[in-house]
Amino acid sequence: MLTSRHVEILKAIVDEYIKTAEPVASKTLIEKYESAYKLANPADPAVLYNEVVPLLNAGKLDEAKPRLEEILGRSGVADGMMLVSAMHITAAVFVNDDESGLHQDFEAWLERLAPFDPSPKAYRHNRTGEENGDAHLKRQVMGREVVVAVTQGRLDFGPWEQIFYGEFDGCRRKRVLIKIIGE
């Protein structure tokens, strides 16, 4: 059973990660908090799992569910929560329907909201020498991360829900942070 202590541990890990922003340090933090918690609560079967996944094929919209299910299997967690976070300020993780027309609608809608324009006149951010002001705004609209319930060792989605990674810039190698807590 997921307890409030599990949530406290996950929050502490995420808070520390936000401060350090270093994936290697994040794994160390998992071990640190898990060890301290196990010493204080030896009978508690809580499992903490952490993985940073490099994205080799960072397309506009990429269905992430099969890869996440594989990672969930490695974690050994049967019931709990999975946090999936885009670790970049021009990328998003979101849940919606896997329907090609909807994907095209998202892309068209986002382009109307924040059209690509590399000129410094279009976005103040582009005055810094970068040309991706639109990508930052698109990410803000689509969201940074999602938390998905894990039930009986499976991601617990509604009938049409899928999880997606959205890339709105594409200039750098990207990673996704995955944290799983449960038993």
N, C-alpha and C. Protein backbone atom coordinates (compact mmCIF):
# COMPACT_ATOMS: atom_id res chain seq x y z
N MET A 1 0.84 -1.18 0.00
CA MET A 1 0.00 0.00 0.00
C MET A 1 0.89 1.25 0.00
N LEU A 2 0.53 2.21 -0.80
CA LEU A 2 1.28 3.46 -0.87
C LEU A 2 0.87 4.34 0.31
N THR A 3 1.86 4.71 1.11
CA THR A 3 1.57 5.50 2.31
C THR A 3 1.97 6.95 2.10
N SER A 4 1.58 7.78 3.06
CA SER A 4 1.97 9.18 2.98
C SER A 4 3.49 9.31 3.09
N ARG A 5 4.14 8.36 3.76
CA ARG A 5 5.60 8.39 3.88
C ARG A 5 6.24 8.17 2.51
N HIS A 6 5.66 7.30 1.69
CA HIS A 6 6.17 7.09 0.34
C HIS A 6 6.12 8.40 -0.45
N VAL A 7 5.00 9.10 -0.31
CA VAL A 7 4.83 10.38 -1.00
C VAL A 7 5.85 11.39 -0.50
N GLU A 8 6.08 11.41 0.82
CA GLU A 8 7.09 12.31 1.38
C GLU A 8 8.47 12.03 0.79
N ILE A 9 8.81 10.75 0.69
CA ILE A 9 10.12 10.37 0.14
C ILE A 9 10.22 10.83 -1.31
N LEU A 10 9.19 10.56 -2.11
CA LEU A 10 9.21 10.96 -3.51
C LEU A 10 9.33 12.48 -3.63
N LYS A 11 8.59 13.21 -2.82
CA LYS A 11 8.67 14.67 -2.85
C LYS A 11 10.08 15.15 -2.49
N ALA A 12 10.67 14.56 -1.47
CA ALA A 12 12.04 14.95 -1.07
C ALA A 12 13.02 14.68 -2.20
N ILE A 13 12.86 13.57 -2.87
CA ILE A 13 13.76 13.22 -3.98
C ILE A 13 13.59 14.22 -5.13
N VAL A 14 12.35 14.49 -5.47
CA VAL A 14 12.09 15.42 -6.58
C VAL A 14 12.59 16.82 -6.22
N ASP A 15 12.33 17.26 -4.99
CA ASP A 15 12.81 18.58 -4.56
C ASP A 15 14.33 18.67 -4.65
N GLU A 16 15.01 17.64 -4.17
CA GLU A 16 16.47 17.63 -4.21
C GLU A 16 16.96 17.59 -5.66
N TYR A 17 16.25 16.84 -6.49
CA TYR A 17 16.63 16.75 -7.91
C TYR A 17 16.50 18.13 -8.57
N ILE A 18 15.41 18.82 -8.25
CA ILE A 18 15.21 20.15 -8.83
C ILE A 18 16.36 21.08 -8.44
N LYS A 19 16.83 20.96 -7.18
CA LYS A 19 17.94 21.79 -6.73
C LYS A 19 19.24 21.44 -7.45
N THR A 20 19.51 20.14 -7.62
CA THR A 20 20.80 19.73 -8.19
C THR A 20 20.76 19.62 -9.70
N ALA A 21 19.61 19.20 -10.26
CA ALA A 21 19.43 19.00 -11.70
C ALA A 21 20.51 18.11 -12.30
N GLU A 22 20.94 17.12 -11.53
CA GLU A 22 21.95 16.19 -12.01
C GLU A 22 21.41 14.77 -11.91
N PRO A 23 21.23 14.08 -13.05
CA PRO A 23 20.69 12.73 -13.02
C PRO A 23 21.53 11.77 -12.18
N VAL A 24 22.85 11.88 -12.20
CA VAL A 24 23.69 10.98 -11.41
C VAL A 24 23.42 11.20 -9.93
N ALA A 25 23.34 12.46 -9.53
CA ALA A 25 23.04 12.76 -8.14
C ALA A 25 21.66 12.24 -7.77
N SER A 26 20.75 12.23 -8.71
CA SER A 26 19.41 11.76 -8.45
C SER A 26 19.42 10.30 -8.03
N LYS A 27 20.21 9.46 -8.68
CA LYS A 27 20.29 8.05 -8.31
C LYS A 27 20.86 7.92 -6.90
N THR A 28 21.85 8.69 -6.59
CA THR A 28 22.43 8.68 -5.25
C THR A 28 21.38 9.08 -4.23
N LEU A 29 20.56 10.07 -4.55
CA LEU A 29 19.50 10.50 -3.64
C LEU A 29 18.48 9.39 -3.41
N ILE A 30 18.12 8.68 -4.46
CA ILE A 30 17.19 7.55 -4.31
C ILE A 30 17.75 6.57 -3.29
N GLU A 31 19.03 6.19 -3.47
CA GLU A 31 19.65 5.23 -2.57
C GLU A 31 19.70 5.78 -1.15
N LYS A 32 20.04 7.06 -1.02
CA LYS A 32 20.13 7.69 0.30
C LYS A 32 18.78 7.66 1.02
N TYR A 33 17.73 8.13 0.34
CA TYR A 33 16.43 8.18 0.98
C TYR A 33 15.87 6.78 1.21
N GLU A 34 16.07 5.87 0.26
CA GLU A 34 15.56 4.52 0.42
C GLU A 34 16.25 3.84 1.60
N SER A 35 17.57 3.97 1.72
CA SER A 35 18.30 3.36 2.83
C SER A 35 17.84 3.93 4.16
N ALA A 36 17.71 5.24 4.25
CA ALA A 36 17.28 5.87 5.51
C ALA A 36 15.87 5.42 5.86
N TYR A 37 15.00 5.32 4.88
CA TYR A 37 13.63 4.92 5.15
C TYR A 37 13.56 3.46 5.58
N LYS A 38 14.31 2.60 4.90
CA LYS A 38 14.31 1.17 5.24
C LYS A 38 14.82 0.95 6.66
N LEU A 39 15.84 1.72 7.07
CA LEU A 39 16.35 1.59 8.44
C LEU A 39 15.28 1.98 9.45
N ALA A 40 14.55 3.03 9.16
CA ALA A 40 13.52 3.50 10.09
C ALA A 40 12.26 2.64 10.04
N ASN A 41 12.01 1.98 8.91
CA ASN A 41 10.78 1.20 8.70
C ASN A 41 11.11 -0.13 8.03
N PRO A 42 11.79 -1.06 8.73
CA PRO A 42 12.25 -2.29 8.09
C PRO A 42 11.14 -3.18 7.54
N ALA A 43 9.92 -3.07 8.07
CA ALA A 43 8.84 -3.93 7.59
C ALA A 43 8.13 -3.37 6.37
N ASP A 44 8.42 -2.15 5.99
CA ASP A 44 7.73 -1.49 4.89
C ASP A 44 8.33 -1.93 3.56
N PRO A 45 7.51 -2.47 2.66
CA PRO A 45 8.05 -2.96 1.39
C PRO A 45 8.15 -1.90 0.30
N ALA A 46 8.20 -0.63 0.63
CA ALA A 46 8.25 0.42 -0.38
C ALA A 46 9.42 0.22 -1.32
N VAL A 47 9.19 0.43 -2.58
CA VAL A 47 10.24 0.34 -3.58
C VAL A 47 10.36 1.70 -4.24
N LEU A 48 11.58 2.19 -4.35
CA LEU A 48 11.85 3.42 -5.07
C LEU A 48 12.72 3.06 -6.26
N TYR A 49 12.37 3.55 -7.43
CA TYR A 49 13.12 3.22 -8.63
C TYR A 49 13.31 4.50 -9.42
N ASN A 50 14.49 4.67 -9.98
CA ASN A 50 14.82 5.90 -10.70
C ASN A 50 15.56 5.54 -11.98
N GLU A 51 15.21 6.17 -13.07
CA GLU A 51 15.93 5.94 -14.31
C GLU A 51 15.85 7.20 -15.17
N VAL A 52 16.96 7.53 -15.81
CA VAL A 52 16.98 8.62 -16.78
C VAL A 52 17.16 7.98 -18.14
N VAL A 53 16.20 8.20 -19.03
CA VAL A 53 16.19 7.54 -20.32
C VAL A 53 16.61 8.52 -21.41
N PRO A 54 17.69 8.21 -22.14
CA PRO A 54 18.04 9.08 -23.27
C PRO A 54 17.04 8.87 -24.40
N LEU A 55 16.67 9.95 -25.05
CA LEU A 55 15.77 9.84 -26.20
C LEU A 55 16.60 9.88 -27.46
N LEU A 56 16.64 8.77 -28.14
CA LEU A 56 17.44 8.70 -29.35
C LEU A 56 16.67 9.23 -30.55
N ASN A 57 15.36 9.08 -30.51
CA ASN A 57 14.52 9.52 -31.62
C ASN A 57 13.54 10.56 -31.10
N ALA A 58 13.99 11.78 -30.94
CA ALA A 58 13.16 12.84 -30.39
C ALA A 58 12.34 13.48 -31.50
N GLY A 59 11.19 12.87 -31.80
CA GLY A 59 10.31 13.40 -32.83
C GLY A 59 9.35 14.40 -32.25
N LYS A 60 8.45 14.91 -33.08
CA LYS A 60 7.47 15.88 -32.60
C LYS A 60 6.57 15.26 -31.52
N LEU A 61 5.90 14.14 -31.83
CA LEU A 61 5.11 13.42 -30.84
C LEU A 61 5.55 11.96 -30.88
N ASP A 62 5.91 11.43 -29.74
CA ASP A 62 6.42 10.07 -29.68
C ASP A 62 5.68 9.35 -28.57
N GLU A 63 4.98 8.24 -28.91
CA GLU A 63 4.28 7.48 -27.89
C GLU A 63 5.30 6.81 -26.99
N ALA A 64 5.17 7.00 -25.69
CA ALA A 64 6.16 6.52 -24.74
C ALA A 64 5.71 5.29 -23.96
N LYS A 65 4.46 4.90 -24.07
CA LYS A 65 3.92 3.84 -23.22
C LYS A 65 4.69 2.52 -23.31
N PRO A 66 5.02 1.99 -24.48
CA PRO A 66 5.75 0.71 -24.51
C PRO A 66 7.09 0.77 -23.77
N ARG A 67 7.82 1.84 -23.93
CA ARG A 67 9.11 1.98 -23.26
C ARG A 67 8.93 2.12 -21.75
N LEU A 68 7.90 2.85 -21.34
CA LEU A 68 7.64 3.02 -19.91
C LEU A 68 7.21 1.70 -19.26
N GLU A 69 6.42 0.89 -19.98
CA GLU A 69 6.02 -0.40 -19.44
C GLU A 69 7.23 -1.31 -19.24
N GLU A 70 8.19 -1.24 -20.15
CA GLU A 70 9.42 -2.01 -20.01
C GLU A 70 10.18 -1.58 -18.75
N ILE A 71 10.29 -0.28 -18.54
CA ILE A 71 10.98 0.25 -17.36
C ILE A 71 10.22 -0.14 -16.09
N LEU A 72 8.90 -0.06 -16.12
CA LEU A 72 8.09 -0.45 -14.97
C LEU A 72 8.35 -1.91 -14.62
N GLY A 73 8.46 -2.77 -15.62
CA GLY A 73 8.75 -4.18 -15.37
C GLY A 73 10.08 -4.37 -14.66
N ARG A 74 11.09 -3.61 -15.06
CA ARG A 74 12.41 -3.70 -14.42
C ARG A 74 12.37 -3.23 -12.97
N SER A 75 11.46 -2.31 -12.65
CA SER A 75 11.40 -1.75 -11.30
C SER A 75 10.87 -2.74 -10.28
N GLY A 76 10.03 -3.66 -10.72
CA GLY A 76 9.44 -4.61 -9.79
C GLY A 76 8.26 -4.06 -9.02
N VAL A 77 7.83 -2.84 -9.29
CA VAL A 77 6.69 -2.24 -8.57
C VAL A 77 5.39 -2.78 -9.15
N ALA A 78 4.51 -3.25 -8.26
CA ALA A 78 3.21 -3.77 -8.69
C ALA A 78 2.09 -2.74 -8.48
N ASP A 79 2.18 -1.97 -7.41
CA ASP A 79 1.17 -0.95 -7.12
C ASP A 79 1.87 0.30 -6.62
N GLY A 80 1.57 1.44 -7.24
CA GLY A 80 2.21 2.68 -6.84
C GLY A 80 1.98 3.79 -7.85
N MET A 81 3.03 4.57 -8.10
CA MET A 81 2.95 5.71 -9.01
C MET A 81 4.23 5.79 -9.84
N MET A 82 4.08 6.25 -11.06
CA MET A 82 5.23 6.53 -11.93
C MET A 82 5.17 8.00 -12.32
N LEU A 83 6.26 8.70 -12.04
CA LEU A 83 6.41 10.09 -12.47
C LEU A 83 7.23 10.06 -13.75
N VAL A 84 6.75 10.73 -14.79
CA VAL A 84 7.48 10.84 -16.05
C VAL A 84 7.63 12.32 -16.35
N SER A 85 8.89 12.77 -16.43
CA SER A 85 9.16 14.20 -16.55
C SER A 85 10.09 14.49 -17.72
N ALA A 86 9.68 15.42 -18.55
CA ALA A 86 10.55 15.92 -19.62
C ALA A 86 11.60 16.79 -18.95
N MET A 87 12.84 16.46 -19.12
CA MET A 87 13.91 17.17 -18.41
C MET A 87 14.41 18.38 -19.18
N HIS A 88 13.63 18.85 -20.09
CA HIS A 88 14.08 19.96 -20.94
C HIS A 88 12.97 20.99 -21.09
N ILE A 89 13.35 22.23 -21.22
CA ILE A 89 12.38 23.32 -21.20
C ILE A 89 11.70 23.56 -22.54
N THR A 90 12.00 22.72 -23.52
CA THR A 90 11.30 22.82 -24.81
C THR A 90 10.64 21.49 -25.15
N ALA A 91 10.39 20.64 -24.14
CA ALA A 91 9.76 19.34 -24.35
C ALA A 91 8.65 19.15 -23.34
N ALA A 92 7.70 18.28 -23.65
CA ALA A 92 6.55 18.05 -22.78
C ALA A 92 6.25 16.56 -22.68
N VAL A 93 5.62 16.17 -21.58
CA VAL A 93 5.05 14.85 -21.42
C VAL A 93 3.57 15.06 -21.12
N PHE A 94 2.70 14.34 -21.82
CA PHE A 94 1.27 14.53 -21.61
C PHE A 94 0.52 13.25 -21.93
N VAL A 95 -0.72 13.17 -21.47
CA VAL A 95 -1.58 12.00 -21.70
C VAL A 95 -2.75 12.45 -22.54
N ASN A 96 -3.02 11.68 -23.59
CA ASN A 96 -4.18 11.94 -24.44
C ASN A 96 -4.42 10.75 -25.34
N ASP A 97 -5.32 10.90 -26.29
CA ASP A 97 -5.69 9.84 -27.22
C ASP A 97 -4.63 9.68 -28.30
N ASP A 98 -4.36 8.44 -28.70
CA ASP A 98 -3.40 8.16 -29.76
C ASP A 98 -4.16 8.08 -31.09
N GLU A 99 -4.49 9.22 -31.61
CA GLU A 99 -5.25 9.30 -32.86
C GLU A 99 -4.56 10.32 -33.75
N SER A 100 -4.22 9.93 -34.97
CA SER A 100 -3.38 10.77 -35.84
C SER A 100 -4.01 12.13 -36.13
N GLY A 101 -5.33 12.19 -36.28
CA GLY A 101 -5.98 13.48 -36.51
C GLY A 101 -5.79 14.41 -35.32
N LEU A 102 -5.88 13.85 -34.11
CA LEU A 102 -5.68 14.65 -32.91
C LEU A 102 -4.23 15.13 -32.83
N HIS A 103 -3.28 14.29 -33.20
CA HIS A 103 -1.87 14.71 -33.22
C HIS A 103 -1.69 15.89 -34.16
N GLN A 104 -2.29 15.81 -35.33
CA GLN A 104 -2.19 16.92 -36.29
C GLN A 104 -2.88 18.17 -35.74
N ASP A 105 -4.01 17.97 -35.04
CA ASP A 105 -4.70 19.11 -34.42
C ASP A 105 -3.82 19.78 -33.37
N PHE A 106 -3.14 18.97 -32.54
CA PHE A 106 -2.23 19.53 -31.55
C PHE A 106 -1.16 20.39 -32.22
N GLU A 107 -0.52 19.82 -33.23
CA GLU A 107 0.56 20.53 -33.90
C GLU A 107 0.07 21.83 -34.54
N ALA A 108 -1.09 21.78 -35.20
CA ALA A 108 -1.64 22.98 -35.84
C ALA A 108 -2.04 24.02 -34.79
N TRP A 109 -2.68 23.57 -33.71
CA TRP A 109 -3.12 24.46 -32.64
C TRP A 109 -1.93 25.14 -31.97
N LEU A 110 -0.90 24.35 -31.65
CA LEU A 110 0.29 24.93 -31.02
C LEU A 110 0.99 25.91 -31.96
N GLU A 111 1.00 25.61 -33.23
CA GLU A 111 1.65 26.52 -34.19
C GLU A 111 0.86 27.83 -34.31
N ARG A 112 -0.47 27.76 -34.18
CA ARG A 112 -1.27 29.00 -34.18
C ARG A 112 -1.02 29.80 -32.90
N LEU A 113 -0.90 29.11 -31.77
CA LEU A 113 -0.66 29.79 -30.49
C LEU A 113 0.72 30.44 -30.44
N ALA A 114 1.73 29.70 -30.92
CA ALA A 114 3.12 30.18 -30.85
C ALA A 114 3.84 29.75 -32.12
N PRO A 115 3.65 30.48 -33.20
CA PRO A 115 4.25 30.08 -34.47
C PRO A 115 5.78 30.16 -34.43
N PHE A 116 6.41 29.21 -35.11
CA PHE A 116 7.87 29.25 -35.20
C PHE A 116 8.28 30.51 -35.95
N ASP A 117 9.17 31.26 -35.35
CA ASP A 117 9.75 32.44 -35.99
C ASP A 117 11.06 32.72 -35.26
N PRO A 118 12.19 32.48 -35.92
CA PRO A 118 13.48 32.63 -35.25
C PRO A 118 13.93 34.07 -35.04
N SER A 119 13.18 35.03 -35.56
CA SER A 119 13.64 36.42 -35.47
C SER A 119 13.51 36.95 -34.04
N PRO A 120 14.40 37.82 -33.64
CA PRO A 120 14.32 38.44 -32.31
C PRO A 120 13.09 39.32 -32.13
N LYS A 121 12.47 39.71 -33.24
CA LYS A 121 11.25 40.54 -33.14
C LYS A 121 10.05 39.70 -32.71
N ALA A 122 10.05 38.42 -33.04
CA ALA A 122 8.90 37.56 -32.74
C ALA A 122 8.80 37.22 -31.26
N TYR A 123 9.93 36.85 -30.65
CA TYR A 123 9.96 36.47 -29.24
C TYR A 123 11.18 37.11 -28.58
N ARG A 124 10.98 37.70 -27.44
CA ARG A 124 12.10 38.34 -26.72
C ARG A 124 13.20 37.33 -26.39
N HIS A 125 12.80 36.08 -26.12
CA HIS A 125 13.79 35.04 -25.82
C HIS A 125 14.79 34.89 -26.97
N ASN A 126 14.34 35.10 -28.18
CA ASN A 126 15.23 34.95 -29.34
C ASN A 126 16.32 36.02 -29.38
N ARG A 127 16.18 37.04 -28.56
CA ARG A 127 17.23 38.08 -28.49
C ARG A 127 18.47 37.57 -27.76
N THR A 128 18.37 36.41 -27.10
CA THR A 128 19.52 35.83 -26.37
C THR A 128 20.47 35.09 -27.30
N GLY A 129 20.10 35.00 -28.57
CA GLY A 129 20.91 34.24 -29.52
C GLY A 129 20.29 32.89 -29.87
N GLU A 130 19.28 32.49 -29.12
CA GLU A 130 18.56 31.26 -29.45
C GLU A 130 17.40 31.61 -30.37
N GLU A 131 16.86 30.59 -31.01
CA GLU A 131 15.77 30.81 -31.96
C GLU A 131 14.57 29.93 -31.63
N ASN A 132 14.36 29.66 -30.34
CA ASN A 132 13.33 28.70 -29.96
C ASN A 132 12.31 29.24 -28.96
N GLY A 133 12.05 30.53 -29.01
CA GLY A 133 11.05 31.12 -28.11
C GLY A 133 9.71 30.42 -28.21
N ASP A 134 9.32 30.04 -29.41
CA ASP A 134 8.05 29.34 -29.61
C ASP A 134 8.02 28.00 -28.90
N ALA A 135 9.14 27.28 -28.89
CA ALA A 135 9.21 25.95 -28.27
C ALA A 135 8.99 26.03 -26.77
N HIS A 136 9.51 27.07 -26.13
CA HIS A 136 9.31 27.25 -24.69
C HIS A 136 7.82 27.45 -24.38
N LEU A 137 7.14 28.24 -25.18
CA LEU A 137 5.71 28.50 -24.97
C LEU A 137 4.88 27.25 -25.22
N LYS A 138 5.21 26.50 -26.26
CA LYS A 138 4.48 25.25 -26.57
C LYS A 138 4.61 24.26 -25.43
N ARG A 139 5.79 24.15 -24.88
CA ARG A 139 6.01 23.24 -23.75
C ARG A 139 5.17 23.66 -22.56
N GLN A 140 5.09 24.96 -22.30
CA GLN A 140 4.34 25.45 -21.16
C GLN A 140 2.87 25.06 -21.28
N VAL A 141 2.34 25.10 -22.48
CA VAL A 141 0.94 24.75 -22.71
C VAL A 141 0.71 23.25 -22.54
N MET A 142 1.63 22.43 -23.02
CA MET A 142 1.44 20.97 -23.03
C MET A 142 1.81 20.30 -21.70
N GLY A 143 2.68 20.88 -20.92
CA GLY A 143 2.99 20.31 -19.61
C GLY A 143 4.35 19.67 -19.50
N ARG A 144 4.90 19.70 -18.30
CA ARG A 144 6.25 19.23 -18.02
C ARG A 144 6.29 17.75 -17.69
N GLU A 145 5.30 17.26 -16.92
CA GLU A 145 5.35 15.90 -16.42
C GLU A 145 3.97 15.36 -16.16
N VAL A 146 3.89 14.04 -15.98
CA VAL A 146 2.65 13.39 -15.59
C VAL A 146 2.97 12.35 -14.52
N VAL A 147 1.99 12.06 -13.70
CA VAL A 147 2.06 10.96 -12.76
C VAL A 147 0.99 9.96 -13.16
N VAL A 148 1.39 8.70 -13.30
CA VAL A 148 0.48 7.65 -13.74
C VAL A 148 0.37 6.61 -12.63
N ALA A 149 -0.84 6.19 -12.32
CA ALA A 149 -1.03 5.12 -11.34
C ALA A 149 -0.49 3.81 -11.90
N VAL A 150 0.07 2.99 -11.01
CA VAL A 150 0.53 1.64 -11.36
C VAL A 150 -0.35 0.68 -10.57
N THR A 151 -1.03 -0.22 -11.27
CA THR A 151 -1.93 -1.18 -10.65
C THR A 151 -1.62 -2.56 -11.19
N GLN A 152 -1.35 -3.49 -10.30
CA GLN A 152 -1.03 -4.87 -10.66
C GLN A 152 0.09 -4.93 -11.71
N GLY A 153 1.10 -4.08 -11.52
CA GLY A 153 2.27 -4.10 -12.38
C GLY A 153 2.08 -3.48 -13.76
N ARG A 154 0.97 -2.77 -13.96
CA ARG A 154 0.69 -2.16 -15.26
C ARG A 154 0.37 -0.68 -15.09
N LEU A 155 0.67 0.11 -16.11
CA LEU A 155 0.27 1.52 -16.10
C LEU A 155 -1.24 1.56 -16.21
N ASP A 156 -1.86 2.35 -15.35
CA ASP A 156 -3.31 2.35 -15.21
C ASP A 156 -3.91 3.53 -15.96
N PHE A 157 -4.15 3.32 -17.25
CA PHE A 157 -4.72 4.35 -18.12
C PHE A 157 -6.19 4.05 -18.40
N GLY A 158 -6.93 5.11 -18.77
CA GLY A 158 -8.29 4.92 -19.25
C GLY A 158 -8.26 4.23 -20.61
N PRO A 159 -9.43 3.89 -21.16
CA PRO A 159 -9.48 3.08 -22.38
C PRO A 159 -8.75 3.68 -23.59
N TRP A 160 -8.72 4.98 -23.72
CA TRP A 160 -8.11 5.59 -24.91
C TRP A 160 -6.84 6.36 -24.58
N GLU A 161 -6.47 6.39 -23.33
CA GLU A 161 -5.31 7.20 -22.93
C GLU A 161 -3.99 6.54 -23.29
N GLN A 162 -3.08 7.38 -23.76
CA GLN A 162 -1.70 6.99 -24.01
C GLN A 162 -0.83 8.12 -23.47
N ILE A 163 0.44 7.84 -23.26
CA ILE A 163 1.36 8.85 -22.78
C ILE A 163 2.32 9.22 -23.90
N PHE A 164 2.56 10.51 -24.06
CA PHE A 164 3.37 11.00 -25.16
C PHE A 164 4.48 11.91 -24.69
N TYR A 165 5.55 11.90 -25.44
CA TYR A 165 6.65 12.85 -25.29
C TYR A 165 6.54 13.79 -26.48
N GLY A 166 6.49 15.08 -26.24
CA GLY A 166 6.43 16.07 -27.32
C GLY A 166 7.69 16.90 -27.33
N GLU A 167 8.32 17.01 -28.47
CA GLU A 167 9.56 17.79 -28.63
C GLU A 167 9.24 18.97 -29.54
N PHE A 168 9.54 20.17 -29.08
CA PHE A 168 9.17 21.36 -29.83
C PHE A 168 10.37 22.16 -30.34
N ASP A 169 11.58 21.68 -30.09
CA ASP A 169 12.79 22.37 -30.53
C ASP A 169 13.68 21.42 -31.33
N GLY A 170 14.17 20.39 -30.69
CA GLY A 170 14.96 19.37 -31.39
C GLY A 170 16.43 19.67 -31.55
N CYS A 171 16.93 20.72 -30.94
CA CYS A 171 18.33 21.10 -31.15
C CYS A 171 19.32 20.31 -30.31
N ARG A 172 18.87 19.70 -29.22
CA ARG A 172 19.79 19.02 -28.30
C ARG A 172 19.31 17.60 -28.04
N ARG A 173 20.25 16.75 -27.59
CA ARG A 173 19.86 15.41 -27.14
C ARG A 173 18.97 15.57 -25.92
N LYS A 174 17.93 14.79 -25.83
CA LYS A 174 16.96 14.92 -24.74
C LYS A 174 16.93 13.64 -23.89
N ARG A 175 16.43 13.82 -22.66
CA ARG A 175 16.25 12.71 -21.74
C ARG A 175 14.91 12.88 -21.05
N VAL A 176 14.40 11.77 -20.54
CA VAL A 176 13.18 11.78 -19.74
C VAL A 176 13.52 11.16 -18.41
N LEU A 177 13.09 11.79 -17.31
CA LEU A 177 13.30 11.28 -15.97
C LEU A 177 12.10 10.45 -15.58
N ILE A 178 12.34 9.25 -15.07
CA ILE A 178 11.27 8.36 -14.64
C ILE A 178 11.54 7.98 -13.19
N LYS A 179 10.56 8.21 -12.33
CA LYS A 179 10.66 7.81 -10.92
C LYS A 179 9.42 6.98 -10.60
N ILE A 180 9.66 5.83 -9.98
CA ILE A 180 8.58 4.93 -9.64
C ILE A 180 8.63 4.67 -8.13
N ILE A 181 7.49 4.78 -7.49
CA ILE A 181 7.40 4.49 -6.06
C ILE A 181 6.20 3.59 -5.83
N GLY A 182 6.38 2.64 -4.97
CA GLY A 182 5.28 1.72 -4.67
C GLY A 182 5.80 0.45 -4.05
N GLU A 183 5.02 -0.60 -4.20
CA GLU A 183 5.44 -1.88 -3.65
C GLU A 183 5.14 -2.99 -4.62
